[in-house]
């Protein structure tokens, strides 16, 4: 099994944001480490406490694919995310956002919806 690990200053605050955003469940929770995964298994995301805050652009990020980009962006904002910028390309619909610790992710039009 694979796990994507996100460094953060407070896993106990950041993991609940991602759990709510993705609909994942908590797999494990310990001092400085939280792991979440989808019900029934699948790609796990772990959150690891590090002393430094994020600086610079992520070299790896998560894309959330949806049929309703504006609706998903609004939902992410209600959970604590911030819009960084939308794509200006009508053939490549996405919005780049930041989680509560500033880690970038994109909300993208599901590839099956692109005609």
PDB file of N, CA and C in Angstrom:
ATOM      1  N   UNK A   1       0.855  -1.182   0.000  1.00  0.00           N
ATOM      2  CA  UNK A   1       0.000   0.000   0.000  1.00  0.00           C
ATOM      3  C   UNK A   1       0.897   1.240   0.000  1.00  0.00           C
ATOM      4  N   UNK A   2       0.408   2.279  -0.572  1.00  0.00           N
ATOM      5  CA  UNK A   2       1.123   3.534  -0.656  1.00  0.00           C
ATOM      6  C   UNK A   2       0.493   4.557   0.273  1.00  0.00           C
ATOM      7  N   UNK A   3       1.315   5.466   0.800  1.00  0.00           N
ATOM      8  CA  UNK A   3       0.805   6.574   1.598  1.00  0.00           C
ATOM      9  C   UNK A   3       1.494   7.852   1.144  1.00  0.00           C
ATOM     10  N   UNK A   4       0.715   8.891   0.930  1.00  0.00           N
ATOM     11  CA  UNK A   4       1.255  10.220   0.676  1.00  0.00           C
ATOM     12  C   UNK A   4       1.358  10.908   2.028  1.00  0.00           C
ATOM     13  N   UNK A   5       2.513  11.499   2.320  1.00  0.00           N
ATOM     14  CA  UNK A   5       2.728  12.140   3.612  1.00  0.00           C
ATOM     15  C   UNK A   5       2.812  13.649   3.406  1.00  0.00           C
ATOM     16  N   UNK A   6       2.041  14.376   4.192  1.00  0.00           N
ATOM     17  CA  UNK A   6       2.048  15.837   4.150  1.00  0.00           C
ATOM     18  C   UNK A   6       2.680  16.340   5.443  1.00  0.00           C
ATOM     19  N   UNK A   7       3.780  17.071   5.313  1.00  0.00           N
ATOM     20  CA  UNK A   7       4.399  17.696   6.475  1.00  0.00           C
ATOM     21  C   UNK A   7       3.527  18.858   6.926  1.00  0.00           C
ATOM     22  N   UNK A   8       3.422  19.042   8.240  1.00  0.00           N
ATOM     23  CA  UNK A   8       2.616  20.132   8.774  1.00  0.00           C
ATOM     24  C   UNK A   8       3.055  20.441  10.198  1.00  0.00           C
ATOM     25  N   UNK A   9       2.686  21.595  10.689  1.00  0.00           N
ATOM     26  CA  UNK A   9       3.048  21.947  12.062  1.00  0.00           C
ATOM     27  C   UNK A   9       2.087  21.350  13.078  1.00  0.00           C
ATOM     28  N   UNK A  10       0.842  21.040  12.653  1.00  0.00           N
ATOM     29  CA  UNK A  10      -0.135  20.471  13.579  1.00  0.00           C
ATOM     30  C   UNK A  10      -1.028  19.442  12.888  1.00  0.00           C
ATOM     31  N   UNK A  11      -0.616  18.170  12.900  1.00  0.00           N
ATOM     32  CA  UNK A  11      -1.428  17.127  12.263  1.00  0.00           C
ATOM     33  C   UNK A  11      -2.832  17.005  12.831  1.00  0.00           C
ATOM     34  N   UNK A  12      -3.000  17.301  14.113  1.00  0.00           N
ATOM     35  CA  UNK A  12      -4.323  17.146  14.733  1.00  0.00           C
ATOM     36  C   UNK A  12      -5.305  18.205  14.251  1.00  0.00           C
ATOM     37  N   UNK A  13      -4.809  19.282  13.668  1.00  0.00           N
ATOM     38  CA  UNK A  13      -5.672  20.308  13.081  1.00  0.00           C
ATOM     39  C   UNK A  13      -5.838  20.094  11.585  1.00  0.00           C
ATOM     40  N   UNK A  14      -4.749  19.728  10.902  1.00  0.00           N
ATOM     41  CA  UNK A  14      -4.797  19.601   9.444  1.00  0.00           C
ATOM     42  C   UNK A  14      -5.509  18.327   8.986  1.00  0.00           C
ATOM     43  N   UNK A  15      -5.291  17.217   9.657  1.00  0.00           N
ATOM     44  CA  UNK A  15      -5.915  15.951   9.239  1.00  0.00           C
ATOM     45  C   UNK A  15      -7.442  16.034   9.222  1.00  0.00           C
ATOM     46  N   UNK A  16      -8.093  16.655  10.220  1.00  0.00           N
ATOM     47  CA  UNK A  16      -9.557  16.755  10.149  1.00  0.00           C
ATOM     48  C   UNK A  16     -10.053  17.564   8.943  1.00  0.00           C
ATOM     49  N   UNK A  17      -9.306  18.587   8.514  1.00  0.00           N
ATOM     50  CA  UNK A  17      -9.680  19.330   7.305  1.00  0.00           C
ATOM     51  C   UNK A  17      -9.707  18.378   6.114  1.00  0.00           C
ATOM     52  N   UNK A  18      -8.610  17.636   5.909  1.00  0.00           N
ATOM     53  CA  UNK A  18      -8.526  16.727   4.765  1.00  0.00           C
ATOM     54  C   UNK A  18      -9.513  15.569   4.884  1.00  0.00           C
ATOM     55  N   UNK A  19      -9.742  15.082   6.109  1.00  0.00           N
ATOM     56  CA  UNK A  19     -10.713  14.007   6.303  1.00  0.00           C
ATOM     57  C   UNK A  19     -12.090  14.467   5.847  1.00  0.00           C
ATOM     58  N   UNK A  20     -12.479  15.674   6.237  1.00  0.00           N
ATOM     59  CA  UNK A  20     -13.783  16.212   5.835  1.00  0.00           C
ATOM     60  C   UNK A  20     -13.831  16.491   4.339  1.00  0.00           C
ATOM     61  N   UNK A  21     -12.765  17.027   3.788  1.00  0.00           N
ATOM     62  CA  UNK A  21     -12.738  17.358   2.363  1.00  0.00           C
ATOM     63  C   UNK A  21     -12.858  16.102   1.501  1.00  0.00           C
ATOM     64  N   UNK A  22     -12.151  15.041   1.885  1.00  0.00           N
ATOM     65  CA  UNK A  22     -12.108  13.821   1.071  1.00  0.00           C
ATOM     66  C   UNK A  22     -13.125  12.764   1.473  1.00  0.00           C
ATOM     67  N   UNK A  23     -13.742  12.916   2.646  1.00  0.00           N
ATOM     68  CA  UNK A  23     -14.649  11.884   3.126  1.00  0.00           C
ATOM     69  C   UNK A  23     -13.907  10.664   3.638  1.00  0.00           C
ATOM     70  N   UNK A  24     -12.654  10.833   4.046  1.00  0.00           N
ATOM     71  CA  UNK A  24     -11.829   9.739   4.563  1.00  0.00           C
ATOM     72  C   UNK A  24     -12.133   9.506   6.044  1.00  0.00           C
ATOM     73  N   UNK A  25     -11.655   8.396   6.551  1.00  0.00           N
ATOM     74  CA  UNK A  25     -11.758   8.045   7.960  1.00  0.00           C
ATOM     75  C   UNK A  25     -10.361   8.047   8.569  1.00  0.00           C
ATOM     76  N   UNK A  26     -10.286   8.280   9.869  1.00  0.00           N
ATOM     77  CA  UNK A  26      -9.000   8.231  10.567  1.00  0.00           C
ATOM     78  C   UNK A  26      -8.586   6.777  10.720  1.00  0.00           C
ATOM     79  N   UNK A  27      -7.382   6.465  10.277  1.00  0.00           N
ATOM     80  CA  UNK A  27      -6.849   5.115  10.452  1.00  0.00           C
ATOM     81  C   UNK A  27      -6.036   5.035  11.740  1.00  0.00           C
ATOM     82  N   UNK A  28      -5.181   6.021  11.962  1.00  0.00           N
ATOM     83  CA  UNK A  28      -4.370   6.026  13.185  1.00  0.00           C
ATOM     84  C   UNK A  28      -4.085   7.456  13.604  1.00  0.00           C
ATOM     85  N   UNK A  29      -3.860   7.615  14.887  1.00  0.00           N
ATOM     86  CA  UNK A  29      -3.672   8.942  15.464  1.00  0.00           C
ATOM     87  C   UNK A  29      -2.680   8.785  16.604  1.00  0.00           C
ATOM     88  N   UNK A  30      -1.555   9.455  16.527  1.00  0.00           N
ATOM     89  CA  UNK A  30      -0.590   9.429  17.619  1.00  0.00           C
ATOM     90  C   UNK A  30       0.073  10.800  17.700  1.00  0.00           C
ATOM     91  N   UNK A  31       0.884  10.987  18.685  1.00  0.00           N
ATOM     92  CA  UNK A  31       1.547  12.275  18.864  1.00  0.00           C
ATOM     93  C   UNK A  31       2.409  12.586  17.635  1.00  0.00           C
ATOM     94  N   UNK A  32       2.042  13.618  16.919  1.00  0.00           N
ATOM     95  CA  UNK A  32       2.835  14.030  15.762  1.00  0.00           C
ATOM     96  C   UNK A  32       2.533  13.314  14.462  1.00  0.00           C
ATOM     97  N   UNK A  33       1.521  12.450  14.443  1.00  0.00           N
ATOM     98  CA  UNK A  33       1.244  11.680  13.224  1.00  0.00           C
ATOM     99  C   UNK A  33      -0.232  11.309  13.169  1.00  0.00           C
ATOM    100  N   UNK A  34      -0.880  11.577  12.034  1.00  0.00           N
ATOM    101  CA  UNK A  34      -2.264  11.151  11.812  1.00  0.00           C
ATOM    102  C   UNK A  34      -2.332  10.568  10.406  1.00  0.00           C
ATOM    103  N   UNK A  35      -2.996   9.431  10.258  1.00  0.00           N
ATOM    104  CA  UNK A  35      -3.189   8.815   8.946  1.00  0.00           C
ATOM    105  C   UNK A  35      -4.686   8.684   8.678  1.00  0.00           C
ATOM    106  N   UNK A  36      -5.096   9.023   7.447  1.00  0.00           N
ATOM    107  CA  UNK A  36      -6.494   8.894   7.037  1.00  0.00           C
ATOM    108  C   UNK A  36      -6.553   8.079   5.753  1.00  0.00           C
ATOM    109  N   UNK A  37      -7.675   7.409   5.525  1.00  0.00           N
ATOM    110  CA  UNK A  37      -7.853   6.651   4.295  1.00  0.00           C
ATOM    111  C   UNK A  37      -9.327   6.492   4.005  1.00  0.00           C
ATOM    112  N   UNK A  38      -9.653   6.202   2.732  1.00  0.00           N
ATOM    113  CA  UNK A  38     -11.066   6.027   2.382  1.00  0.00           C
ATOM    114  C   UNK A  38     -11.616   4.733   2.985  1.00  0.00           C
ATOM    115  N   UNK A  39     -12.898   4.761   3.298  1.00  0.00           N
ATOM    116  CA  UNK A  39     -13.552   3.560   3.800  1.00  0.00           C
ATOM    117  C   UNK A  39     -13.392   2.457   2.759  1.00  0.00           C
ATOM    118  N   UNK A  40     -13.029   1.280   3.190  1.00  0.00           N
ATOM    119  CA  UNK A  40     -12.834   0.171   2.268  1.00  0.00           C
ATOM    120  C   UNK A  40     -11.425   0.090   1.703  1.00  0.00           C
ATOM    121  N   UNK A  41     -10.547   1.009   2.100  1.00  0.00           N
ATOM    122  CA  UNK A  41      -9.159   0.982   1.633  1.00  0.00           C
ATOM    123  C   UNK A  41      -8.925   1.890   0.443  1.00  0.00           C
ATOM    124  N   UNK A  42      -7.703   2.054   0.109  1.00  0.00           N
ATOM    125  CA  UNK A  42      -7.307   2.936  -0.989  1.00  0.00           C
ATOM    126  C   UNK A  42      -6.111   3.762  -0.583  1.00  0.00           C
ATOM    127  N   UNK A  43      -5.796   4.787  -1.344  1.00  0.00           N
ATOM    128  CA  UNK A  43      -4.608   5.576  -1.037  1.00  0.00           C
ATOM    129  C   UNK A  43      -4.737   6.309   0.298  1.00  0.00           C
ATOM    130  N   UNK A  44      -3.759   6.076   1.153  1.00  0.00           N
ATOM    131  CA  UNK A  44      -3.725   6.687   2.476  1.00  0.00           C
ATOM    132  C   UNK A  44      -3.010   8.035   2.393  1.00  0.00           C
ATOM    133  N   UNK A  45      -3.442   8.981   3.226  1.00  0.00           N
ATOM    134  CA  UNK A  45      -2.735  10.252   3.383  1.00  0.00           C
ATOM    135  C   UNK A  45      -2.371  10.369   4.850  1.00  0.00           C
ATOM    136  N   UNK A  46      -1.107  10.651   5.110  1.00  0.00           N
ATOM    137  CA  UNK A  46      -0.627  10.806   6.480  1.00  0.00           C
ATOM    138  C   UNK A  46      -0.139  12.230   6.681  1.00  0.00           C
ATOM    139  N   UNK A  47      -0.233  12.688   7.909  1.00  0.00           N
ATOM    140  CA  UNK A  47       0.172  14.037   8.277  1.00  0.00           C
ATOM    141  C   UNK A  47       1.220  13.916   9.368  1.00  0.00           C
ATOM    142  N   UNK A  48       2.385  14.475   9.099  1.00  0.00           N
ATOM    143  CA  UNK A  48       3.533  14.346   9.984  1.00  0.00           C
ATOM    144  C   UNK A  48       3.931  15.708  10.534  1.00  0.00           C
ATOM    145  N   UNK A  49       4.083  15.786  11.846  1.00  0.00           N
ATOM    146  CA  UNK A  49       4.497  17.046  12.479  1.00  0.00           C
ATOM    147  C   UNK A  49       5.969  17.328  12.139  1.00  0.00           C
ATOM    148  N   UNK A  50       6.213  18.550  11.686  1.00  0.00           N
ATOM    149  CA  UNK A  50       7.569  19.047  11.466  1.00  0.00           C
ATOM    150  C   UNK A  50       7.673  20.413  12.148  1.00  0.00           C
ATOM    151  N   UNK A  51       8.867  20.822  12.537  1.00  0.00           N
ATOM    152  CA  UNK A  51       8.990  22.079  13.275  1.00  0.00           C
ATOM    153  C   UNK A  51       8.834  23.336  12.430  1.00  0.00           C
ATOM    154  N   UNK A  52       9.141  23.243  11.149  1.00  0.00           N
ATOM    155  CA  UNK A  52       9.101  24.439  10.305  1.00  0.00           C
ATOM    156  C   UNK A  52       7.774  24.539   9.566  1.00  0.00           C
ATOM    157  N   UNK A  53       7.359  25.776   9.269  1.00  0.00           N
ATOM    158  CA  UNK A  53       6.153  25.982   8.472  1.00  0.00           C
ATOM    159  C   UNK A  53       6.505  25.856   6.997  1.00  0.00           C
ATOM    160  N   UNK A  54       5.496  25.724   6.169  1.00  0.00           N
ATOM    161  CA  UNK A  54       5.687  25.576   4.729  1.00  0.00           C
ATOM    162  C   UNK A  54       6.329  26.826   4.148  1.00  0.00           C
ATOM    163  N   UNK A  55       7.241  26.611   3.211  1.00  0.00           N
ATOM    164  CA  UNK A  55       7.814  27.747   2.482  1.00  0.00           C
ATOM    165  C   UNK A  55       7.979  27.322   1.028  1.00  0.00           C
ATOM    166  N   UNK A  56       7.586  28.179   0.116  1.00  0.00           N
ATOM    167  CA  UNK A  56       7.697  27.861  -1.308  1.00  0.00           C
ATOM    168  C   UNK A  56       6.550  27.010  -1.816  1.00  0.00           C
ATOM    169  N   UNK A  57       6.586  26.740  -3.107  1.00  0.00           N
ATOM    170  CA  UNK A  57       5.546  25.968  -3.781  1.00  0.00           C
ATOM    171  C   UNK A  57       5.742  24.479  -3.539  1.00  0.00           C
ATOM    172  N   UNK A  58       4.633  23.771  -3.362  1.00  0.00           N
ATOM    173  CA  UNK A  58       4.705  22.311  -3.261  1.00  0.00           C
ATOM    174  C   UNK A  58       5.257  21.733  -4.550  1.00  0.00           C
ATOM    175  N   UNK A  59       6.063  20.694  -4.455  1.00  0.00           N
ATOM    176  CA  UNK A  59       6.539  19.990  -5.639  1.00  0.00           C
ATOM    177  C   UNK A  59       5.610  18.835  -5.984  1.00  0.00           C
ATOM    178  N   UNK A  60       4.732  18.492  -5.078  1.00  0.00           N
ATOM    179  CA  UNK A  60       3.739  17.444  -5.266  1.00  0.00           C
ATOM    180  C   UNK A  60       2.444  17.973  -4.670  1.00  0.00           C
ATOM    181  N   UNK A  61       1.331  17.770  -5.371  1.00  0.00           N
ATOM    182  CA  UNK A  61       0.061  18.228  -4.820  1.00  0.00           C
ATOM    183  C   UNK A  61      -1.054  17.265  -5.194  1.00  0.00           C
ATOM    184  N   UNK A  62      -2.178  17.413  -4.538  1.00  0.00           N
ATOM    185  CA  UNK A  62      -3.347  16.568  -4.756  1.00  0.00           C
ATOM    186  C   UNK A  62      -4.307  17.299  -5.678  1.00  0.00           C
ATOM    187  N   UNK A  63      -4.845  16.593  -6.669  1.00  0.00           N
ATOM    188  CA  UNK A  63      -5.908  17.106  -7.537  1.00  0.00           C
ATOM    189  C   UNK A  63      -7.204  16.415  -7.142  1.00  0.00           C
ATOM    190  N   UNK A  64      -8.210  17.204  -6.824  1.00  0.00           N
ATOM    191  CA  UNK A  64      -9.543  16.674  -6.552  1.00  0.00           C
ATOM    192  C   UNK A  64     -10.376  16.852  -7.810  1.00  0.00           C
ATOM    193  N   UNK A  65     -10.831  15.761  -8.391  1.00  0.00           N
ATOM    194  CA  UNK A  65     -11.622  15.835  -9.611  1.00  0.00           C
ATOM    195  C   UNK A  65     -13.102  15.807  -9.253  1.00  0.00           C
ATOM    196  N   UNK A  66     -13.859  16.680  -9.912  1.00  0.00           N
ATOM    197  CA  UNK A  66     -15.278  16.821  -9.613  1.00  0.00           C
ATOM    198  C   UNK A  66     -16.034  17.233 -10.872  1.00  0.00           C
ATOM    199  N   UNK A  67     -17.319  17.029 -10.856  1.00  0.00           N
ATOM    200  CA  UNK A  67     -18.179  17.522 -11.945  1.00  0.00           C
ATOM    201  C   UNK A  67     -18.611  18.952 -11.677  1.00  0.00           C
ATOM    202  N   UNK A  68     -18.439  19.418 -10.426  1.00  0.00           N
ATOM    203  CA  UNK A  68     -18.906  20.748 -10.012  1.00  0.00           C
ATOM    204  C   UNK A  68     -17.754  21.511  -9.347  1.00  0.00           C
ATOM    205  N   UNK A  69     -16.884  22.106 -10.158  1.00  0.00           N
ATOM    206  CA  UNK A  69     -15.725  22.826  -9.625  1.00  0.00           C
ATOM    207  C   UNK A  69     -16.154  23.966  -8.696  1.00  0.00           C
ATOM    208  N   UNK A  70     -17.079  24.870  -9.117  1.00  0.00           N
ATOM    209  CA  UNK A  70     -17.461  25.958  -8.207  1.00  0.00           C
ATOM    210  C   UNK A  70     -18.039  25.453  -6.878  1.00  0.00           C
ATOM    211  N   UNK A  71     -18.848  24.411  -6.929  1.00  0.00           N
ATOM    212  CA  UNK A  71     -19.439  23.861  -5.712  1.00  0.00           C
ATOM    213  C   UNK A  71     -18.390  23.257  -4.794  1.00  0.00           C
ATOM    214  N   UNK A  72     -17.442  22.547  -5.369  1.00  0.00           N
ATOM    215  CA  UNK A  72     -16.387  21.923  -4.565  1.00  0.00           C
ATOM    216  C   UNK A  72     -15.442  22.975  -3.995  1.00  0.00           C
ATOM    217  N   UNK A  73     -15.168  24.036  -4.753  1.00  0.00           N
ATOM    218  CA  UNK A  73     -14.343  25.135  -4.250  1.00  0.00           C
ATOM    219  C   UNK A  73     -15.042  25.791  -3.055  1.00  0.00           C
ATOM    220  N   UNK A  74     -16.320  26.042  -3.167  1.00  0.00           N
ATOM    221  CA  UNK A  74     -17.078  26.641  -2.058  1.00  0.00           C
ATOM    222  C   UNK A  74     -17.061  25.746  -0.828  1.00  0.00           C
ATOM    223  N   UNK A  75     -17.227  24.455  -1.031  1.00  0.00           N
ATOM    224  CA  UNK A  75     -17.209  23.512   0.090  1.00  0.00           C
ATOM    225  C   UNK A  75     -15.834  23.512   0.752  1.00  0.00           C
ATOM    226  N   UNK A  76     -14.778  23.515  -0.052  1.00  0.00           N
ATOM    227  CA  UNK A  76     -13.416  23.542   0.499  1.00  0.00           C
ATOM    228  C   UNK A  76     -13.172  24.831   1.294  1.00  0.00           C
ATOM    229  N   UNK A  77     -13.687  25.950   0.782  1.00  0.00           N
ATOM    230  CA  UNK A  77     -13.547  27.221   1.507  1.00  0.00           C
ATOM    231  C   UNK A  77     -14.267  27.164   2.859  1.00  0.00           C
ATOM    232  N   UNK A  78     -15.454  26.579   2.890  1.00  0.00           N
ATOM    233  CA  UNK A  78     -16.194  26.468   4.148  1.00  0.00           C
ATOM    234  C   UNK A  78     -15.437  25.614   5.170  1.00  0.00           C
ATOM    235  N   UNK A  79     -14.654  24.660   4.672  1.00  0.00           N
ATOM    236  CA  UNK A  79     -13.875  23.798   5.556  1.00  0.00           C
ATOM    237  C   UNK A  79     -12.574  24.454   6.013  1.00  0.00           C
ATOM    238  N   UNK A  80     -12.187  25.577   5.374  1.00  0.00           N
ATOM    239  CA  UNK A  80     -10.985  26.287   5.803  1.00  0.00           C
ATOM    240  C   UNK A  80      -9.929  26.502   4.738  1.00  0.00           C
ATOM    241  N   UNK A  81     -10.200  26.077   3.503  1.00  0.00           N
ATOM    242  CA  UNK A  81      -9.247  26.285   2.410  1.00  0.00           C
ATOM    243  C   UNK A  81      -9.352  27.708   1.876  1.00  0.00           C
ATOM    244  N   UNK A  82      -8.353  28.099   1.141  1.00  0.00           N
ATOM    245  CA  UNK A  82      -8.308  29.440   0.539  1.00  0.00           C
ATOM    246  C   UNK A  82      -8.041  29.299  -0.957  1.00  0.00           C
ATOM    247  N   UNK A  83      -8.756  30.079  -1.771  1.00  0.00           N
ATOM    248  CA  UNK A  83      -8.494  30.099  -3.208  1.00  0.00           C
ATOM    249  C   UNK A  83      -7.209  30.878  -3.450  1.00  0.00           C
ATOM    250  N   UNK A  84      -6.296  30.282  -4.214  1.00  0.00           N
ATOM    251  CA  UNK A  84      -5.075  30.980  -4.614  1.00  0.00           C
ATOM    252  C   UNK A  84      -5.263  31.620  -5.982  1.00  0.00           C
ATOM    253  N   UNK A  85      -5.695  30.811  -6.970  1.00  0.00           N
ATOM    254  CA  UNK A  85      -5.983  31.359  -8.295  1.00  0.00           C
ATOM    255  C   UNK A  85      -6.720  30.327  -9.143  1.00  0.00           C
ATOM    256  N   UNK A  86      -7.603  30.807 -10.019  1.00  0.00           N
ATOM    257  CA  UNK A  86      -8.270  29.907 -10.967  1.00  0.00           C
ATOM    258  C   UNK A  86      -7.468  29.835 -12.266  1.00  0.00           C
ATOM    259  N   UNK A  87      -7.653  28.755 -12.984  1.00  0.00           N
ATOM    260  CA  UNK A  87      -7.064  28.646 -14.316  1.00  0.00           C
ATOM    261  C   UNK A  87      -7.758  29.642 -15.231  1.00  0.00           C
ATOM    262  N   UNK A  88      -7.009  30.218 -16.137  1.00  0.00           N
ATOM    263  CA  UNK A  88      -7.598  31.128 -17.123  1.00  0.00           C
ATOM    264  C   UNK A  88      -7.817  30.437 -18.464  1.00  0.00           C
ATOM    265  N   UNK A  89      -7.523  29.135 -18.525  1.00  0.00           N
ATOM    266  CA  UNK A  89      -7.660  28.360 -19.752  1.00  0.00           C
ATOM    267  C   UNK A  89      -9.013  27.644 -19.746  1.00  0.00           C
ATOM    268  N   UNK A  90      -9.950  28.024 -20.631  1.00  0.00           N
ATOM    269  CA  UNK A  90     -11.271  27.384 -20.631  1.00  0.00           C
ATOM    270  C   UNK A  90     -11.226  25.900 -20.987  1.00  0.00           C
ATOM    271  N   UNK A  91     -10.105  25.442 -21.566  1.00  0.00           N
ATOM    272  CA  UNK A  91      -9.960  24.026 -21.896  1.00  0.00           C
ATOM    273  C   UNK A  91      -9.306  23.227 -20.774  1.00  0.00           C
ATOM    274  N   UNK A  92      -8.917  23.897 -19.702  1.00  0.00           N
ATOM    275  CA  UNK A  92      -8.267  23.244 -18.562  1.00  0.00           C
ATOM    276  C   UNK A  92      -8.833  23.883 -17.287  1.00  0.00           C
ATOM    277  N   UNK A  93     -10.010  23.408 -16.879  1.00  0.00           N
ATOM    278  CA  UNK A  93     -10.751  24.025 -15.774  1.00  0.00           C
ATOM    279  C   UNK A  93     -10.229  23.495 -14.439  1.00  0.00           C
ATOM    280  N   UNK A  94      -9.642  24.386 -13.633  1.00  0.00           N
ATOM    281  CA  UNK A  94      -9.214  24.039 -12.290  1.00  0.00           C
ATOM    282  C   UNK A  94      -9.053  25.307 -11.465  1.00  0.00           C
ATOM    283  N   UNK A  95      -9.053  25.122 -10.137  1.00  0.00           N
ATOM    284  CA  UNK A  95      -8.786  26.208  -9.200  1.00  0.00           C
ATOM    285  C   UNK A  95      -7.707  25.710  -8.256  1.00  0.00           C
ATOM    286  N   UNK A  96      -6.637  26.479  -8.133  1.00  0.00           N
ATOM    287  CA  UNK A  96      -5.586  26.135  -7.177  1.00  0.00           C
ATOM    288  C   UNK A  96      -5.955  26.742  -5.835  1.00  0.00           C
ATOM    289  N   UNK A  97      -5.890  25.895  -4.801  1.00  0.00           N
ATOM    290  CA  UNK A  97      -6.293  26.299  -3.461  1.00  0.00           C
ATOM    291  C   UNK A  97      -5.176  25.966  -2.480  1.00  0.00           C
ATOM    292  N   UNK A  98      -5.311  26.437  -1.249  1.00  0.00           N
ATOM    293  CA  UNK A  98      -4.381  26.105  -0.175  1.00  0.00           C
ATOM    294  C   UNK A  98      -5.173  25.590   1.014  1.00  0.00           C
ATOM    295  N   UNK A  99      -4.650  24.540   1.650  1.00  0.00           N
ATOM    296  CA  UNK A  99      -5.279  24.038   2.867  1.00  0.00           C
ATOM    297  C   UNK A  99      -4.952  24.991   4.022  1.00  0.00           C
ATOM    298  N   UNK A 100      -5.448  24.744   5.220  1.00  0.00           N
ATOM    299  CA  UNK A 100      -5.220  25.685   6.316  1.00  0.00           C
ATOM    300  C   UNK A 100      -3.753  25.948   6.668  1.00  0.00           C
ATOM    301  N   UNK A 101      -2.830  25.081   6.253  1.00  0.00           N
ATOM    302  CA  UNK A 101      -1.405  25.325   6.500  1.00  0.00           C
ATOM    303  C   UNK A 101      -0.684  25.821   5.248  1.00  0.00           C
ATOM    304  N   UNK A 102      -1.430  26.082   4.175  1.00  0.00           N
ATOM    305  CA  UNK A 102      -0.839  26.644   2.972  1.00  0.00           C
ATOM    306  C   UNK A 102      -0.397  25.638   1.925  1.00  0.00           C
ATOM    307  N   UNK A 103      -0.640  24.342   2.139  1.00  0.00           N
ATOM    308  CA  UNK A 103      -0.290  23.328   1.138  1.00  0.00           C
ATOM    309  C   UNK A 103      -1.248  23.431  -0.038  1.00  0.00           C
ATOM    310  N   UNK A 104      -0.683  23.520  -1.261  1.00  0.00           N
ATOM    311  CA  UNK A 104      -1.520  23.679  -2.446  1.00  0.00           C
ATOM    312  C   UNK A 104      -2.194  22.371  -2.845  1.00  0.00           C
ATOM    313  N   UNK A 105      -3.390  22.510  -3.377  1.00  0.00           N
ATOM    314  CA  UNK A 105      -4.103  21.425  -4.034  1.00  0.00           C
ATOM    315  C   UNK A 105      -4.989  22.054  -5.090  1.00  0.00           C
ATOM    316  N   UNK A 106      -5.441  21.258  -6.049  1.00  0.00           N
ATOM    317  CA  UNK A 106      -6.291  21.788  -7.119  1.00  0.00           C
ATOM    318  C   UNK A 106      -7.645  21.091  -7.116  1.00  0.00           C
ATOM    319  N   UNK A 107      -8.662  21.859  -7.424  1.00  0.00           N
ATOM    320  CA  UNK A 107      -9.991  21.323  -7.678  1.00  0.00           C
ATOM    321  C   UNK A 107     -10.160  21.403  -9.183  1.00  0.00           C
ATOM    322  N   UNK A 108     -10.293  20.247  -9.820  1.00  0.00           N
ATOM    323  CA  UNK A 108     -10.273  20.149 -11.283  1.00  0.00           C
ATOM    324  C   UNK A 108     -11.581  19.556 -11.807  1.00  0.00           C
ATOM    325  N   UNK A 109     -11.928  19.964 -13.018  1.00  0.00           N
ATOM    326  CA  UNK A 109     -13.049  19.343 -13.695  1.00  0.00           C
ATOM    327  C   UNK A 109     -12.691  17.903 -13.994  1.00  0.00           C
ATOM    328  N   UNK A 110     -13.560  16.965 -13.621  1.00  0.00           N
ATOM    329  CA  UNK A 110     -13.325  15.552 -13.869  1.00  0.00           C
ATOM    330  C   UNK A 110     -13.032  15.330 -15.338  1.00  0.00           C
ATOM    331  N   UNK A 111     -11.984  14.609 -15.646  1.00  0.00           N
ATOM    332  CA  UNK A 111     -11.568  14.380 -17.036  1.00  0.00           C
ATOM    333  C   UNK A 111     -12.692  13.781 -17.875  1.00  0.00           C
ATOM    334  N   UNK A 112     -13.573  13.001 -17.255  1.00  0.00           N
ATOM    335  CA  UNK A 112     -14.697  12.414 -17.983  1.00  0.00           C
ATOM    336  C   UNK A 112     -15.722  13.454 -18.404  1.00  0.00           C
ATOM    337  N   UNK A 113     -15.672  14.632 -17.790  1.00  0.00           N
ATOM    338  CA  UNK A 113     -16.616  15.703 -18.102  1.00  0.00           C
ATOM    339  C   UNK A 113     -16.121  16.606 -19.230  1.00  0.00           C
ATOM    340  N   UNK A 114     -14.853  16.485 -19.597  1.00  0.00           N
ATOM    341  CA  UNK A 114     -14.292  17.335 -20.640  1.00  0.00           C
ATOM    342  C   UNK A 114     -14.666  16.747 -21.994  1.00  0.00           C
ATOM    343  N   UNK A 115     -15.237  17.579 -22.839  1.00  0.00           N
ATOM    344  CA  UNK A 115     -15.671  17.084 -24.157  1.00  0.00           C
ATOM    345  C   UNK A 115     -14.755  17.569 -25.247  1.00  0.00           C
TER     346      UNK A 115
END
